[in-house]
Amino acid sequence: MRRITKKDINLNRLKTGCSPCMNEAKIMKQKISNRKVSEIKINEIKDIVSSMFKKN
């Protein structure tokens, strides 16, 4: 039997992400809705980030 060496995948260089990550990015993009980061209130940013870690 041949041994197969595992390739190290650099996740920072991937052109696409995994589907859960892509879904979360899409949800965050909808919540921000093409506003500049400086226009978003601090509490709203906290809500967006904390919603990523809540279980549905």
Protein backbone atom coordinates (compact mmCIF):
# COMPACT_ATOMS: atom_id res chain seq x y z
CA MET A 1 0.00 0.00 0.00
CA ARG A 2 1.17 3.48 -0.76
CA ARG A 3 1.16 6.16 1.85
CA ILE A 4 -0.55 9.35 0.90
CA THR A 5 0.88 12.55 2.29
CA LYS A 6 -1.62 15.06 3.51
CA LYS A 7 -1.47 18.45 1.88
CA ASP A 8 -1.64 21.48 4.11
CA ILE A 9 -4.43 23.75 2.95
CA ASN A 10 -3.97 27.43 3.61
CA LEU A 11 -7.51 28.67 4.27
CA ASN A 12 -6.44 32.27 3.74
CA ARG A 13 -5.68 31.60 0.09
CA LEU A 14 -8.90 29.84 -0.86
CA LYS A 15 -11.06 31.68 -3.37
CA THR A 16 -14.24 30.30 -1.85
CA GLY A 17 -15.07 29.40 1.71
CA CYS A 18 -17.03 26.59 3.23
CA SER A 19 -20.79 26.81 2.92
CA PRO A 20 -21.49 27.71 6.60
CA CYS A 21 -18.95 30.54 6.40
CA MET A 22 -20.36 31.77 3.11
CA ASN A 23 -23.89 31.75 4.56
CA GLU A 24 -22.80 33.78 7.59
CA ALA A 25 -20.98 36.25 5.36
CA LYS A 26 -24.11 36.65 3.24
CA ILE A 27 -26.24 37.28 6.35
CA MET A 28 -23.76 39.88 7.65
CA LYS A 29 -23.69 41.59 4.27
CA GLN A 30 -27.50 41.84 4.31
CA LYS A 31 -27.49 43.31 7.82
CA ILE A 32 -24.90 45.93 6.87
CA SER A 33 -26.69 46.66 3.56
CA ASN A 34 -23.94 48.57 1.73
CA ARG A 35 -23.28 51.09 4.51
CA LYS A 36 -19.85 52.28 5.48
CA VAL A 37 -18.48 50.83 8.69
CA SER A 38 -18.26 54.34 10.15
CA GLU A 39 -22.04 54.75 9.68
CA ILE A 40 -22.94 51.64 11.69
CA LYS A 41 -23.60 52.13 15.39
CA ILE A 42 -21.49 50.23 17.95
CA ASN A 43 -24.50 48.40 19.40
CA GLU A 44 -25.53 47.25 15.95
CA ILE A 45 -22.04 45.85 15.30
CA LYS A 46 -22.17 44.00 18.63
CA ASP A 47 -25.56 42.50 17.67
CA ILE A 48 -24.29 41.35 14.27
CA VAL A 49 -21.17 39.72 15.70
CA SER A 50 -22.98 38.11 18.63
CA SER A 51 -25.62 36.67 16.29
CA MET A 52 -22.88 34.60 14.64
CA PHE A 53 -22.27 32.71 17.89
CA LYS A 54 -25.88 32.14 18.93
CA LYS A 55 -27.36 28.73 18.28
CA ASN A 56 -30.44 28.75 16.08
